[in-house]
Amino acid sequence: MRIRVKHEGSEDVVESSEPISINDILGRLGIPPSTVLAVHEEKIVPHTSMINGDLELELVIVSSGG
């Protein structure tokens, strides 16, 4: 399966032959999970969600500060 990931104006593709979690995808891309929200079809999805087929994710940066 192919997962297209849009992040900061670029697009990456992660391929996996087995179901994969969003956390694992972020790890492969070197993106700390605490810095982004994963969005699929305009809905925020948990990083623990398992992906079983081709899809597109958008990563939205989480702002923090004090």
N, C-alpha and C. Protein backbone atom coordinates (compact mmCIF):
# COMPACT_ATOMS: atom_id res chain seq x y z
N MET A 1 0.84 -1.17 0.00
CA MET A 1 0.00 0.00 0.00
C MET A 1 0.88 1.23 0.00
N ARG A 2 0.32 2.32 -0.50
CA ARG A 2 1.04 3.60 -0.57
C ARG A 2 0.29 4.64 0.24
N ILE A 3 1.02 5.30 1.13
CA ILE A 3 0.44 6.37 1.93
C ILE A 3 1.14 7.66 1.53
N ARG A 4 0.37 8.59 0.97
CA ARG A 4 0.93 9.90 0.61
C ARG A 4 0.77 10.81 1.81
N VAL A 5 1.86 11.48 2.17
CA VAL A 5 1.87 12.34 3.35
C VAL A 5 2.27 13.75 2.93
N LYS A 6 1.34 14.69 3.12
CA LYS A 6 1.61 16.09 2.83
C LYS A 6 2.01 16.78 4.13
N HIS A 7 3.15 17.50 4.07
CA HIS A 7 3.68 18.12 5.28
C HIS A 7 4.57 19.29 4.89
N GLU A 8 4.26 20.46 5.40
CA GLU A 8 5.06 21.67 5.18
C GLU A 8 5.33 21.92 3.70
N GLY A 9 4.32 21.78 2.86
CA GLY A 9 4.47 22.10 1.45
C GLY A 9 5.12 21.02 0.60
N SER A 10 5.46 19.90 1.18
CA SER A 10 6.05 18.82 0.40
C SER A 10 5.18 17.57 0.55
N GLU A 11 5.49 16.58 -0.26
CA GLU A 11 4.74 15.33 -0.21
C GLU A 11 5.71 14.16 -0.21
N ASP A 12 5.52 13.25 0.72
CA ASP A 12 6.32 12.03 0.81
C ASP A 12 5.40 10.84 0.61
N VAL A 13 5.98 9.73 0.21
CA VAL A 13 5.23 8.49 0.06
C VAL A 13 5.88 7.43 0.94
N VAL A 14 5.06 6.79 1.75
CA VAL A 14 5.51 5.68 2.58
C VAL A 14 4.83 4.43 2.04
N GLU A 15 5.61 3.40 1.81
CA GLU A 15 5.04 2.14 1.32
C GLU A 15 5.18 1.08 2.39
N SER A 16 4.17 0.22 2.48
CA SER A 16 4.18 -0.85 3.47
C SER A 16 3.39 -2.02 2.92
N SER A 17 3.88 -3.22 3.18
CA SER A 17 3.16 -4.42 2.73
C SER A 17 2.20 -4.92 3.81
N GLU A 18 2.29 -4.33 5.01
CA GLU A 18 1.44 -4.73 6.14
C GLU A 18 0.74 -3.49 6.70
N PRO A 19 -0.34 -3.68 7.45
CA PRO A 19 -0.96 -2.52 8.11
C PRO A 19 0.09 -1.76 8.92
N ILE A 20 -0.06 -0.44 8.95
CA ILE A 20 0.93 0.41 9.61
C ILE A 20 0.20 1.53 10.35
N SER A 21 0.72 1.89 11.51
CA SER A 21 0.11 2.97 12.30
C SER A 21 0.65 4.32 11.84
N ILE A 22 -0.09 5.35 12.13
CA ILE A 22 0.38 6.70 11.81
C ILE A 22 1.65 7.00 12.58
N ASN A 23 1.76 6.52 13.82
CA ASN A 23 3.00 6.70 14.58
C ASN A 23 4.19 6.11 13.83
N ASP A 24 4.02 4.92 13.25
CA ASP A 24 5.11 4.28 12.51
C ASP A 24 5.47 5.08 11.26
N ILE A 25 4.45 5.62 10.59
CA ILE A 25 4.71 6.45 9.41
C ILE A 25 5.52 7.68 9.79
N LEU A 26 5.11 8.34 10.88
CA LEU A 26 5.85 9.52 11.34
C LEU A 26 7.29 9.16 11.68
N GLY A 27 7.49 8.00 12.31
CA GLY A 27 8.84 7.55 12.63
C GLY A 27 9.68 7.36 11.39
N ARG A 28 9.11 6.75 10.37
CA ARG A 28 9.85 6.54 9.11
C ARG A 28 10.25 7.86 8.47
N LEU A 29 9.41 8.88 8.66
CA LEU A 29 9.68 10.19 8.07
C LEU A 29 10.52 11.09 8.98
N GLY A 30 10.80 10.62 10.19
CA GLY A 30 11.61 11.41 11.12
C GLY A 30 10.85 12.61 11.69
N ILE A 31 9.54 12.49 11.82
CA ILE A 31 8.71 13.58 12.33
C ILE A 31 8.24 13.22 13.74
N PRO A 32 8.60 14.02 14.75
CA PRO A 32 8.13 13.74 16.11
C PRO A 32 6.59 13.82 16.18
N PRO A 33 5.92 12.77 16.65
CA PRO A 33 4.45 12.76 16.68
C PRO A 33 3.84 13.92 17.47
N SER A 34 4.53 14.41 18.48
CA SER A 34 3.96 15.47 19.31
C SER A 34 3.90 16.82 18.59
N THR A 35 4.52 16.90 17.40
CA THR A 35 4.56 18.19 16.69
C THR A 35 3.51 18.34 15.62
N VAL A 36 2.73 17.26 15.34
CA VAL A 36 1.76 17.32 14.25
C VAL A 36 0.44 16.64 14.60
N LEU A 37 -0.61 17.08 13.91
CA LEU A 37 -1.89 16.39 13.91
C LEU A 37 -2.01 15.70 12.55
N ALA A 38 -2.55 14.50 12.52
CA ALA A 38 -2.78 13.79 11.27
C ALA A 38 -4.23 14.01 10.85
N VAL A 39 -4.42 14.41 9.59
CA VAL A 39 -5.75 14.71 9.08
C VAL A 39 -6.01 13.86 7.84
N HIS A 40 -7.16 13.20 7.83
CA HIS A 40 -7.60 12.40 6.68
C HIS A 40 -9.03 12.78 6.36
N GLU A 41 -9.26 13.21 5.11
CA GLU A 41 -10.59 13.64 4.68
C GLU A 41 -11.19 14.67 5.64
N GLU A 42 -10.38 15.65 6.00
CA GLU A 42 -10.77 16.78 6.85
C GLU A 42 -11.12 16.40 8.28
N LYS A 43 -10.70 15.21 8.72
CA LYS A 43 -10.93 14.79 10.10
C LYS A 43 -9.59 14.44 10.74
N ILE A 44 -9.42 14.89 11.98
CA ILE A 44 -8.21 14.54 12.73
C ILE A 44 -8.32 13.08 13.15
N VAL A 45 -7.25 12.33 12.92
CA VAL A 45 -7.24 10.92 13.28
C VAL A 45 -6.13 10.65 14.29
N PRO A 46 -6.36 9.74 15.23
CA PRO A 46 -5.35 9.43 16.24
C PRO A 46 -4.09 8.82 15.61
N HIS A 47 -2.97 9.11 16.21
CA HIS A 47 -1.70 8.57 15.72
C HIS A 47 -1.63 7.05 15.87
N THR A 48 -2.51 6.49 16.69
CA THR A 48 -2.53 5.03 16.87
C THR A 48 -3.36 4.32 15.80
N SER A 49 -4.02 5.09 14.93
CA SER A 49 -4.85 4.50 13.88
C SER A 49 -4.01 3.64 12.95
N MET A 50 -4.57 2.48 12.59
CA MET A 50 -3.89 1.57 11.68
C MET A 50 -4.40 1.81 10.26
N ILE A 51 -3.48 1.84 9.32
CA ILE A 51 -3.81 2.06 7.92
C ILE A 51 -3.70 0.72 7.20
N ASN A 52 -4.74 0.36 6.46
CA ASN A 52 -4.79 -0.93 5.79
C ASN A 52 -4.82 -0.82 4.27
N GLY A 53 -4.79 0.40 3.73
CA GLY A 53 -4.86 0.57 2.28
C GLY A 53 -4.31 1.91 1.87
N ASP A 54 -4.26 2.15 0.58
CA ASP A 54 -3.75 3.41 0.06
C ASP A 54 -4.59 4.57 0.58
N LEU A 55 -3.92 5.65 0.97
CA LEU A 55 -4.63 6.86 1.36
C LEU A 55 -3.70 8.04 1.41
N GLU A 56 -4.29 9.21 1.65
CA GLU A 56 -3.52 10.44 1.75
C GLU A 56 -3.74 11.05 3.12
N LEU A 57 -2.65 11.44 3.75
CA LEU A 57 -2.69 12.11 5.04
C LEU A 57 -2.11 13.51 4.89
N GLU A 58 -2.66 14.44 5.64
CA GLU A 58 -2.08 15.76 5.73
C GLU A 58 -1.63 15.95 7.17
N LEU A 59 -0.43 16.45 7.35
CA LEU A 59 0.08 16.71 8.70
C LEU A 59 0.00 18.20 8.96
N VAL A 60 -0.63 18.56 10.06
CA VAL A 60 -0.78 19.96 10.45
C VAL A 60 0.10 20.19 11.67
N ILE A 61 0.95 21.20 11.57
CA ILE A 61 1.87 21.50 12.67
C ILE A 61 1.10 22.03 13.86
N VAL A 62 1.44 21.50 15.04
CA VAL A 62 0.84 21.95 16.29
C VAL A 62 1.70 23.07 16.84
N SER A 63 1.10 24.22 17.06
CA SER A 63 1.83 25.36 17.61
C SER A 63 1.80 25.28 19.12
N SER A 64 2.91 25.62 19.72
CA SER A 64 2.94 25.67 21.17
C SER A 64 3.84 26.83 21.57
N GLY A 65 3.68 27.26 22.75
CA GLY A 65 4.50 28.38 23.23
C GLY A 65 3.92 28.90 24.53
N GLY A 66 4.61 29.84 25.06
CA GLY A 66 4.11 30.32 26.33
C GLY A 66 4.38 31.75 26.55
